[in-house]
Amino acid sequence: MRTTVTLDADVEQLLRAAAQRGRTSFKQVLNEAVRRGLKGEAANQAPPFVVEAKAMHLRSGIDPAGLRDLDNELEIQEFLDKDQALKAAAK
């Protein structure tokens, strides 16, 4: 069916951008958008991202934050050692 519709400029830009991204026609994007809108569907809505907690099975008295701090200190020291070795090699 042919019909004439006046679209707001921002709506036209959104439809043209979607057509270009999807490499489809303006007509197809418009029809899909109208269908989704009338059905109340969201466009390409991804399922929510869920993070599941896992038990760490740490012995009592071990602080996970302390382990993170220790790891950070070791990483910094490794960086400083490599930096110092590179400076010594450059001399």
PDB file of N, CA and C in Angstrom:
ATOM      1  N   MET A   1       0.835  -1.169   0.000  1.00  0.00           N
ATOM      2  CA  MET A   1       0.000   0.000   0.000  1.00  0.00           C
ATOM      3  C   MET A   1       0.888   1.244   0.000  1.00  0.00           C
ATOM      4  N   ARG A   2       0.553   2.170  -0.813  1.00  0.00           N
ATOM      5  CA  ARG A   2       1.290   3.437  -0.862  1.00  0.00           C
ATOM      6  C   ARG A   2       0.529   4.475  -0.068  1.00  0.00           C
ATOM      7  N   THR A   3       1.296   5.249   0.681  1.00  0.00           N
ATOM      8  CA  THR A   3       0.691   6.355   1.421  1.00  0.00           C
ATOM      9  C   THR A   3       1.744   7.441   1.605  1.00  0.00           C
ATOM     10  N   THR A   4       1.304   8.626   1.875  1.00  0.00           N
ATOM     11  CA  THR A   4       2.226   9.734   2.092  1.00  0.00           C
ATOM     12  C   THR A   4       2.224  10.075   3.573  1.00  0.00           C
ATOM     13  N   VAL A   5       3.418  10.107   4.141  1.00  0.00           N
ATOM     14  CA  VAL A   5       3.574  10.416   5.559  1.00  0.00           C
ATOM     15  C   VAL A   5       4.643  11.484   5.685  1.00  0.00           C
ATOM     16  N   THR A   6       4.399  12.463   6.520  1.00  0.00           N
ATOM     17  CA  THR A   6       5.402  13.487   6.779  1.00  0.00           C
ATOM     18  C   THR A   6       6.132  13.119   8.063  1.00  0.00           C
ATOM     19  N   LEU A   7       7.432  12.842   7.932  1.00  0.00           N
ATOM     20  CA  LEU A   7       8.246  12.457   9.086  1.00  0.00           C
ATOM     21  C   LEU A   7       9.001  13.664   9.617  1.00  0.00           C
ATOM     22  N   ASP A   8       9.165  13.714  10.919  1.00  0.00           N
ATOM     23  CA  ASP A   8      10.024  14.738  11.503  1.00  0.00           C
ATOM     24  C   ASP A   8      11.455  14.468  11.043  1.00  0.00           C
ATOM     25  N   ALA A   9      12.248  15.512  10.969  1.00  0.00           N
ATOM     26  CA  ALA A   9      13.619  15.387  10.457  1.00  0.00           C
ATOM     27  C   ALA A   9      14.450  14.410  11.280  1.00  0.00           C
ATOM     28  N   ASP A  10      14.291  14.432  12.600  1.00  0.00           N
ATOM     29  CA  ASP A  10      15.089  13.533  13.440  1.00  0.00           C
ATOM     30  C   ASP A  10      14.691  12.075  13.226  1.00  0.00           C
ATOM     31  N   VAL A  11      13.395  11.830  12.998  1.00  0.00           N
ATOM     32  CA  VAL A  11      12.920  10.467  12.741  1.00  0.00           C
ATOM     33  C   VAL A  11      13.477   9.968  11.413  1.00  0.00           C
ATOM     34  N   GLU A  12      13.467  10.820  10.417  1.00  0.00           N
ATOM     35  CA  GLU A  12      14.020  10.440   9.112  1.00  0.00           C
ATOM     36  C   GLU A  12      15.494  10.088   9.242  1.00  0.00           C
ATOM     37  N   GLN A  13      16.238  10.889   9.993  1.00  0.00           N
ATOM     38  CA  GLN A  13      17.669  10.619  10.172  1.00  0.00           C
ATOM     39  C   GLN A  13      17.890   9.284  10.871  1.00  0.00           C
ATOM     40  N   LEU A  14      17.085   9.009  11.893  1.00  0.00           N
ATOM     41  CA  LEU A  14      17.209   7.731  12.603  1.00  0.00           C
ATOM     42  C   LEU A  14      16.916   6.554  11.678  1.00  0.00           C
ATOM     43  N   LEU A  15      15.875   6.681  10.870  1.00  0.00           N
ATOM     44  CA  LEU A  15      15.516   5.606   9.944  1.00  0.00           C
ATOM     45  C   LEU A  15      16.596   5.402   8.886  1.00  0.00           C
ATOM     46  N   ARG A  16      17.113   6.485   8.334  1.00  0.00           N
ATOM     47  CA  ARG A  16      18.168   6.370   7.315  1.00  0.00           C
ATOM     48  C   ARG A  16      19.440   5.764   7.909  1.00  0.00           C
ATOM     49  N   ALA A  17      19.782   6.155   9.129  1.00  0.00           N
ATOM     50  CA  ALA A  17      20.966   5.592   9.787  1.00  0.00           C
ATOM     51  C   ALA A  17      20.781   4.099  10.037  1.00  0.00           C
ATOM     52  N   ALA A  18      19.580   3.698  10.470  1.00  0.00           N
ATOM     53  CA  ALA A  18      19.303   2.281  10.708  1.00  0.00           C
ATOM     54  C   ALA A  18      19.354   1.495   9.405  1.00  0.00           C
ATOM     55  N   ALA A  19      18.856   2.073   8.332  1.00  0.00           N
ATOM     56  CA  ALA A  19      18.890   1.403   7.028  1.00  0.00           C
ATOM     57  C   ALA A  19      20.328   1.220   6.568  1.00  0.00           C
ATOM     58  N   GLN A  20      21.150   2.226   6.789  1.00  0.00           N
ATOM     59  CA  GLN A  20      22.553   2.143   6.370  1.00  0.00           C
ATOM     60  C   GLN A  20      23.299   1.107   7.210  1.00  0.00           C
ATOM     61  N   ARG A  21      23.062   1.125   8.536  1.00  0.00           N
ATOM     62  CA  ARG A  21      23.725   0.155   9.417  1.00  0.00           C
ATOM     63  C   ARG A  21      23.347  -1.269   9.048  1.00  0.00           C
ATOM     64  N   GLY A  22      22.058  -1.482   8.807  1.00  0.00           N
ATOM     65  CA  GLY A  22      21.573  -2.820   8.500  1.00  0.00           C
ATOM     66  C   GLY A  22      21.668  -3.190   7.040  1.00  0.00           C
ATOM     67  N   ARG A  23      22.135  -2.233   6.224  1.00  0.00           N
ATOM     68  CA  ARG A  23      22.245  -2.451   4.775  1.00  0.00           C
ATOM     69  C   ARG A  23      20.923  -2.955   4.194  1.00  0.00           C
ATOM     70  N   THR A  24      19.856  -2.289   4.621  1.00  0.00           N
ATOM     71  CA  THR A  24      18.524  -2.610   4.115  1.00  0.00           C
ATOM     72  C   THR A  24      17.898  -1.328   3.584  1.00  0.00           C
ATOM     73  N   SER A  25      16.725  -1.473   3.040  1.00  0.00           N
ATOM     74  CA  SER A  25      16.064  -0.304   2.455  1.00  0.00           C
ATOM     75  C   SER A  25      15.378   0.532   3.531  1.00  0.00           C
ATOM     76  N   PHE A  26      15.196   1.792   3.200  1.00  0.00           N
ATOM     77  CA  PHE A  26      14.477   2.724   4.071  1.00  0.00           C
ATOM     78  C   PHE A  26      13.078   2.178   4.349  1.00  0.00           C
ATOM     79  N   LYS A  27      12.434   1.668   3.301  1.00  0.00           N
ATOM     80  CA  LYS A  27      11.077   1.131   3.416  1.00  0.00           C
ATOM     81  C   LYS A  27      11.028  -0.019   4.418  1.00  0.00           C
ATOM     82  N   GLN A  28      11.992  -0.929   4.327  1.00  0.00           N
ATOM     83  CA  GLN A  28      12.007  -2.087   5.221  1.00  0.00           C
ATOM     84  C   GLN A  28      12.214  -1.654   6.677  1.00  0.00           C
ATOM     85  N   VAL A  29      13.140  -0.722   6.888  1.00  0.00           N
ATOM     86  CA  VAL A  29      13.395  -0.238   8.248  1.00  0.00           C
ATOM     87  C   VAL A  29      12.156   0.458   8.804  1.00  0.00           C
ATOM     88  N   LEU A  30      11.506   1.270   7.983  1.00  0.00           N
ATOM     89  CA  LEU A  30      10.297   1.971   8.422  1.00  0.00           C
ATOM     90  C   LEU A  30       9.200   0.973   8.793  1.00  0.00           C
ATOM     91  N   ASN A  31       8.974  -0.027   7.938  1.00  0.00           N
ATOM     92  CA  ASN A  31       7.943  -1.028   8.223  1.00  0.00           C
ATOM     93  C   ASN A  31       8.238  -1.786   9.517  1.00  0.00           C
ATOM     94  N   GLU A  32       9.508  -2.185   9.712  1.00  0.00           N
ATOM     95  CA  GLU A  32       9.870  -2.915  10.932  1.00  0.00           C
ATOM     96  C   GLU A  32       9.694  -2.039  12.169  1.00  0.00           C
ATOM     97  N   ALA A  33      10.062  -0.767  12.063  1.00  0.00           N
ATOM     98  CA  ALA A  33       9.925   0.148  13.201  1.00  0.00           C
ATOM     99  C   ALA A  33       8.456   0.351  13.564  1.00  0.00           C
ATOM    100  N   VAL A  34       7.612   0.494  12.564  1.00  0.00           N
ATOM    101  CA  VAL A  34       6.179   0.674  12.823  1.00  0.00           C
ATOM    102  C   VAL A  34       5.603  -0.591  13.454  1.00  0.00           C
ATOM    103  N   ARG A  35       5.977  -1.766  12.922  1.00  0.00           N
ATOM    104  CA  ARG A  35       5.485  -3.028  13.496  1.00  0.00           C
ATOM    105  C   ARG A  35       5.883  -3.154  14.964  1.00  0.00           C
ATOM    106  N   ARG A  36       7.176  -2.926  15.234  1.00  0.00           N
ATOM    107  CA  ARG A  36       7.655  -3.037  16.618  1.00  0.00           C
ATOM    108  C   ARG A  36       6.943  -2.033  17.522  1.00  0.00           C
ATOM    109  N   GLY A  37       6.785  -0.828  17.023  1.00  0.00           N
ATOM    110  CA  GLY A  37       6.123   0.202  17.822  1.00  0.00           C
ATOM    111  C   GLY A  37       4.682  -0.144  18.143  1.00  0.00           C
ATOM    112  N   LEU A  38       3.976  -0.680  17.170  1.00  0.00           N
ATOM    113  CA  LEU A  38       2.573  -1.025  17.392  1.00  0.00           C
ATOM    114  C   LEU A  38       2.422  -2.262  18.273  1.00  0.00           C
ATOM    115  N   LYS A  39       3.404  -3.162  18.219  1.00  0.00           N
ATOM    116  CA  LYS A  39       3.365  -4.352  19.070  1.00  0.00           C
ATOM    117  C   LYS A  39       3.924  -4.061  20.463  1.00  0.00           C
ATOM    118  N   GLY A  40       4.575  -2.915  20.618  1.00  0.00           N
ATOM    119  CA  GLY A  40       5.156  -2.566  21.912  1.00  0.00           C
ATOM    120  C   GLY A  40       6.481  -3.250  22.171  1.00  0.00           C
ATOM    121  N   GLU A  41       7.164  -3.678  21.114  1.00  0.00           N
ATOM    122  CA  GLU A  41       8.449  -4.355  21.270  1.00  0.00           C
ATOM    123  C   GLU A  41       9.591  -3.350  21.265  1.00  0.00           C
ATOM    124  N   ALA A  42      10.643  -3.688  21.959  1.00  0.00           N
ATOM    125  CA  ALA A  42      11.859  -2.871  21.932  1.00  0.00           C
ATOM    126  C   ALA A  42      12.718  -3.336  20.764  1.00  0.00           C
ATOM    127  N   ALA A  43      13.477  -2.434  20.199  1.00  0.00           N
ATOM    128  CA  ALA A  43      14.327  -2.759  19.056  1.00  0.00           C
ATOM    129  C   ALA A  43      15.587  -3.472  19.509  1.00  0.00           C
ATOM    130  N   ASN A  44      15.803  -4.679  19.007  1.00  0.00           N
ATOM    131  CA  ASN A  44      17.033  -5.441  19.243  1.00  0.00           C
ATOM    132  C   ASN A  44      17.485  -5.386  20.696  1.00  0.00           C
ATOM    133  N   GLN A  45      16.573  -5.670  21.595  1.00  0.00           N
ATOM    134  CA  GLN A  45      16.924  -5.599  23.006  1.00  0.00           C
ATOM    135  C   GLN A  45      17.657  -6.871  23.402  1.00  0.00           C
ATOM    136  N   ALA A  46      18.889  -6.701  23.858  1.00  0.00           N
ATOM    137  CA  ALA A  46      19.699  -7.836  24.285  1.00  0.00           C
ATOM    138  C   ALA A  46      19.223  -8.295  25.663  1.00  0.00           C
ATOM    139  N   PRO A  47      19.395  -9.582  25.949  1.00  0.00           N
ATOM    140  CA  PRO A  47      19.017 -10.054  27.281  1.00  0.00           C
ATOM    141  C   PRO A  47      19.903  -9.386  28.332  1.00  0.00           C
ATOM    142  N   PRO A  48      19.404  -9.205  29.541  1.00  0.00           N
ATOM    143  CA  PRO A  48      20.200  -8.537  30.565  1.00  0.00           C
ATOM    144  C   PRO A  48      21.454  -9.343  30.903  1.00  0.00           C
ATOM    145  N   PHE A  49      22.532  -8.619  31.189  1.00  0.00           N
ATOM    146  CA  PHE A  49      23.790  -9.258  31.564  1.00  0.00           C
ATOM    147  C   PHE A  49      23.716  -9.620  33.037  1.00  0.00           C
ATOM    148  N   VAL A  50      23.978 -10.880  33.350  1.00  0.00           N
ATOM    149  CA  VAL A  50      23.872 -11.350  34.723  1.00  0.00           C
ATOM    150  C   VAL A  50      25.237 -11.824  35.197  1.00  0.00           C
ATOM    151  N   VAL A  51      25.634 -11.371  36.374  1.00  0.00           N
ATOM    152  CA  VAL A  51      26.879 -11.820  36.991  1.00  0.00           C
ATOM    153  C   VAL A  51      26.506 -12.740  38.137  1.00  0.00           C
ATOM    154  N   GLU A  52      27.030 -13.953  38.080  1.00  0.00           N
ATOM    155  CA  GLU A  52      26.738 -14.909  39.137  1.00  0.00           C
ATOM    156  C   GLU A  52      27.920 -14.969  40.093  1.00  0.00           C
ATOM    157  N   ALA A  53      27.637 -14.842  41.374  1.00  0.00           N
ATOM    158  CA  ALA A  53      28.686 -14.900  42.387  1.00  0.00           C
ATOM    159  C   ALA A  53      29.158 -16.340  42.549  1.00  0.00           C
ATOM    160  N   LYS A  54      30.448 -16.496  42.727  1.00  0.00           N
ATOM    161  CA  LYS A  54      31.033 -17.818  42.955  1.00  0.00           C
ATOM    162  C   LYS A  54      31.758 -17.795  44.293  1.00  0.00           C
ATOM    163  N   ALA A  55      31.670 -18.866  45.026  1.00  0.00           N
ATOM    164  CA  ALA A  55      32.373 -18.965  46.302  1.00  0.00           C
ATOM    165  C   ALA A  55      33.874 -19.039  46.048  1.00  0.00           C
ATOM    166  N   MET A  56      34.672 -18.323  46.856  1.00  0.00           N
ATOM    167  CA  MET A  56      36.122 -18.306  46.668  1.00  0.00           C
ATOM    168  C   MET A  56      36.808 -19.408  47.470  1.00  0.00           C
ATOM    169  N   HIS A  57      36.121 -19.985  48.435  1.00  0.00           N
ATOM    170  CA  HIS A  57      36.655 -21.060  49.274  1.00  0.00           C
ATOM    171  C   HIS A  57      37.987 -20.675  49.910  1.00  0.00           C
ATOM    172  N   LEU A  58      38.063 -19.467  50.441  1.00  0.00           N
ATOM    173  CA  LEU A  58      39.274 -19.013  51.121  1.00  0.00           C
ATOM    174  C   LEU A  58      39.280 -19.523  52.554  1.00  0.00           C
ATOM    175  N   ARG A  59      40.481 -19.756  53.048  1.00  0.00           N
ATOM    176  CA  ARG A  59      40.602 -20.153  54.448  1.00  0.00           C
ATOM    177  C   ARG A  59      40.198 -18.972  55.322  1.00  0.00           C
ATOM    178  N   SER A  60      39.712 -19.275  56.494  1.00  0.00           N
ATOM    179  CA  SER A  60      39.307 -18.184  57.382  1.00  0.00           C
ATOM    180  C   SER A  60      40.525 -17.345  57.737  1.00  0.00           C
ATOM    181  N   GLY A  61      40.311 -16.052  57.821  1.00  0.00           N
ATOM    182  CA  GLY A  61      41.397 -15.141  58.146  1.00  0.00           C
ATOM    183  C   GLY A  61      42.067 -14.543  56.925  1.00  0.00           C
ATOM    184  N   ILE A  62      41.756 -15.039  55.718  1.00  0.00           N
ATOM    185  CA  ILE A  62      42.342 -14.482  54.493  1.00  0.00           C
ATOM    186  C   ILE A  62      41.393 -13.414  53.963  1.00  0.00           C
ATOM    187  N   ASP A  63      41.935 -12.220  53.802  1.00  0.00           N
ATOM    188  CA  ASP A  63      41.147 -11.077  53.349  1.00  0.00           C
ATOM    189  C   ASP A  63      41.331 -10.908  51.839  1.00  0.00           C
ATOM    190  N   PRO A  64      40.269 -11.062  51.036  1.00  0.00           N
ATOM    191  CA  PRO A  64      40.410 -10.905  49.583  1.00  0.00           C
ATOM    192  C   PRO A  64      40.947  -9.533  49.183  1.00  0.00           C
ATOM    193  N   ALA A  65      40.580  -8.495  49.921  1.00  0.00           N
ATOM    194  CA  ALA A  65      41.090  -7.154  49.609  1.00  0.00           C
ATOM    195  C   ALA A  65      42.592  -7.098  49.834  1.00  0.00           C
ATOM    196  N   GLY A  66      43.060  -7.786  50.863  1.00  0.00           N
ATOM    197  CA  GLY A  66      44.499  -7.842  51.130  1.00  0.00           C
ATOM    198  C   GLY A  66      45.235  -8.564  50.009  1.00  0.00           C
ATOM    199  N   LEU A  67      44.624  -9.608  49.460  1.00  0.00           N
ATOM    200  CA  LEU A  67      45.236 -10.322  48.332  1.00  0.00           C
ATOM    201  C   LEU A  67      45.340  -9.413  47.116  1.00  0.00           C
ATOM    202  N   ARG A  68      44.317  -8.616  46.892  1.00  0.00           N
ATOM    203  CA  ARG A  68      44.324  -7.682  45.765  1.00  0.00           C
ATOM    204  C   ARG A  68      45.428  -6.639  45.954  1.00  0.00           C
ATOM    205  N   ASP A  69      45.572  -6.147  47.184  1.00  0.00           N
ATOM    206  CA  ASP A  69      46.633  -5.171  47.465  1.00  0.00           C
ATOM    207  C   ASP A  69      48.008  -5.786  47.240  1.00  0.00           C
ATOM    208  N   LEU A  70      48.188  -7.022  47.686  1.00  0.00           N
ATOM    209  CA  LEU A  70      49.467  -7.710  47.491  1.00  0.00           C
ATOM    210  C   LEU A  70      49.757  -7.892  46.002  1.00  0.00           C
ATOM    211  N   ASP A  71      48.744  -8.283  45.242  1.00  0.00           N
ATOM    212  CA  ASP A  71      48.914  -8.444  43.793  1.00  0.00           C
ATOM    213  C   ASP A  71      49.301  -7.118  43.143  1.00  0.00           C
ATOM    214  N   ASN A  72      48.656  -6.042  43.563  1.00  0.00           N
ATOM    215  CA  ASN A  72      48.995  -4.719  43.017  1.00  0.00           C
ATOM    216  C   ASN A  72      50.433  -4.340  43.337  1.00  0.00           C
ATOM    217  N   GLU A  73      50.862  -4.591  44.570  1.00  0.00           N
ATOM    218  CA  GLU A  73      52.237  -4.271  44.961  1.00  0.00           C
ATOM    219  C   GLU A  73      53.245  -5.077  44.140  1.00  0.00           C
ATOM    220  N   LEU A  74      52.959  -6.363  43.946  1.00  0.00           N
ATOM    221  CA  LEU A  74      53.866  -7.207  43.156  1.00  0.00           C
ATOM    222  C   LEU A  74      53.929  -6.739  41.704  1.00  0.00           C
ATOM    223  N   GLU A  75      52.793  -6.353  41.159  1.00  0.00           N
ATOM    224  CA  GLU A  75      52.755  -5.868  39.781  1.00  0.00           C
ATOM    225  C   GLU A  75      53.536  -4.561  39.644  1.00  0.00           C
ATOM    226  N   ILE A  76      53.391  -3.675  40.601  1.00  0.00           N
ATOM    227  CA  ILE A  76      54.142  -2.414  40.574  1.00  0.00           C
ATOM    228  C   ILE A  76      55.631  -2.683  40.672  1.00  0.00           C
ATOM    229  N   GLN A  77      56.019  -3.584  41.570  1.00  0.00           N
ATOM    230  CA  GLN A  77      57.441  -3.894  41.730  1.00  0.00           C
ATOM    231  C   GLN A  77      58.007  -4.513  40.453  1.00  0.00           C
ATOM    232  N   GLU A  78      57.254  -5.387  39.816  1.00  0.00           N
ATOM    233  CA  GLU A  78      57.704  -5.988  38.556  1.00  0.00           C
ATOM    234  C   GLU A  78      57.906  -4.910  37.492  1.00  0.00           C
ATOM    235  N   PHE A  79      56.985  -3.969  37.410  1.00  0.00           N
ATOM    236  CA  PHE A  79      57.110  -2.871  36.451  1.00  0.00           C
ATOM    237  C   PHE A  79      58.355  -2.045  36.737  1.00  0.00           C
ATOM    238  N   LEU A  80      58.571  -1.706  38.005  1.00  0.00           N
ATOM    239  CA  LEU A  80      59.737  -0.897  38.366  1.00  0.00           C
ATOM    240  C   LEU A  80      61.039  -1.630  38.058  1.00  0.00           C
ATOM    241  N   ASP A  81      61.075  -2.947  38.318  1.00  0.00           N
ATOM    242  CA  ASP A  81      62.273  -3.740  38.008  1.00  0.00           C
ATOM    243  C   ASP A  81      62.556  -3.740  36.508  1.00  0.00           C
ATOM    244  N   LYS A  82      61.518  -3.932  35.690  1.00  0.00           N
ATOM    245  CA  LYS A  82      61.701  -3.925  34.231  1.00  0.00           C
ATOM    246  C   LYS A  82      62.139  -2.548  33.749  1.00  0.00           C
ATOM    247  N   ASP A  83      61.539  -1.499  34.314  1.00  0.00           N
ATOM    248  CA  ASP A  83      61.897  -0.132  33.937  1.00  0.00           C
ATOM    249  C   ASP A  83      63.358   0.149  34.271  1.00  0.00           C
ATOM    250  N   GLN A  84      63.781  -0.274  35.444  1.00  0.00           N
ATOM    251  CA  GLN A  84      65.166  -0.057  35.865  1.00  0.00           C
ATOM    252  C   GLN A  84      66.124  -0.837  34.962  1.00  0.00           C
ATOM    253  N   ALA A  85      65.765  -2.058  34.585  1.00  0.00           N
ATOM    254  CA  ALA A  85      66.612  -2.866  33.703  1.00  0.00           C
ATOM    255  C   ALA A  85      66.725  -2.220  32.327  1.00  0.00           C
ATOM    256  N   LEU A  86      65.636  -1.672  31.816  1.00  0.00           N
ATOM    257  CA  LEU A  86      65.672  -1.001  30.513  1.00  0.00           C
ATOM    258  C   LEU A  86      66.538   0.251  30.563  1.00  0.00           C
ATOM    259  N   LYS A  87      66.447   0.999  31.644  1.00  0.00           N
ATOM    260  CA  LYS A  87      67.271   2.200  31.789  1.00  0.00           C
ATOM    261  C   LYS A  87      68.747   1.842  31.889  1.00  0.00           C
ATOM    262  N   ALA A  88      69.045   0.749  32.601  1.00  0.00           N
ATOM    263  CA  ALA A  88      70.438   0.314  32.740  1.00  0.00           C
ATOM    264  C   ALA A  88      70.981  -0.171  31.403  1.00  0.00           C
ATOM    265  N   ALA A  89      70.151  -0.834  30.620  1.00  0.00           N
ATOM    266  CA  ALA A  89      70.590  -1.341  29.313  1.00  0.00           C
ATOM    267  C   ALA A  89      70.798  -0.200  28.327  1.00  0.00           C
ATOM    268  N   ALA A  90      70.067   0.888  28.501  1.00  0.00           N
ATOM    269  CA  ALA A  90      70.176   2.023  27.582  1.00  0.00           C
ATOM    270  C   ALA A  90      71.434   2.849  27.832  1.00  0.00           C
ATOM    271  N   LYS A  91      72.061   2.698  29.003  1.00  0.00           N
ATOM    272  CA  LYS A  91      73.258   3.492  29.335  1.00  0.00           C
ATOM    273  C   LYS A  91      74.478   2.955  28.672  1.00  0.00           C
TER     274      LYS A  91
END
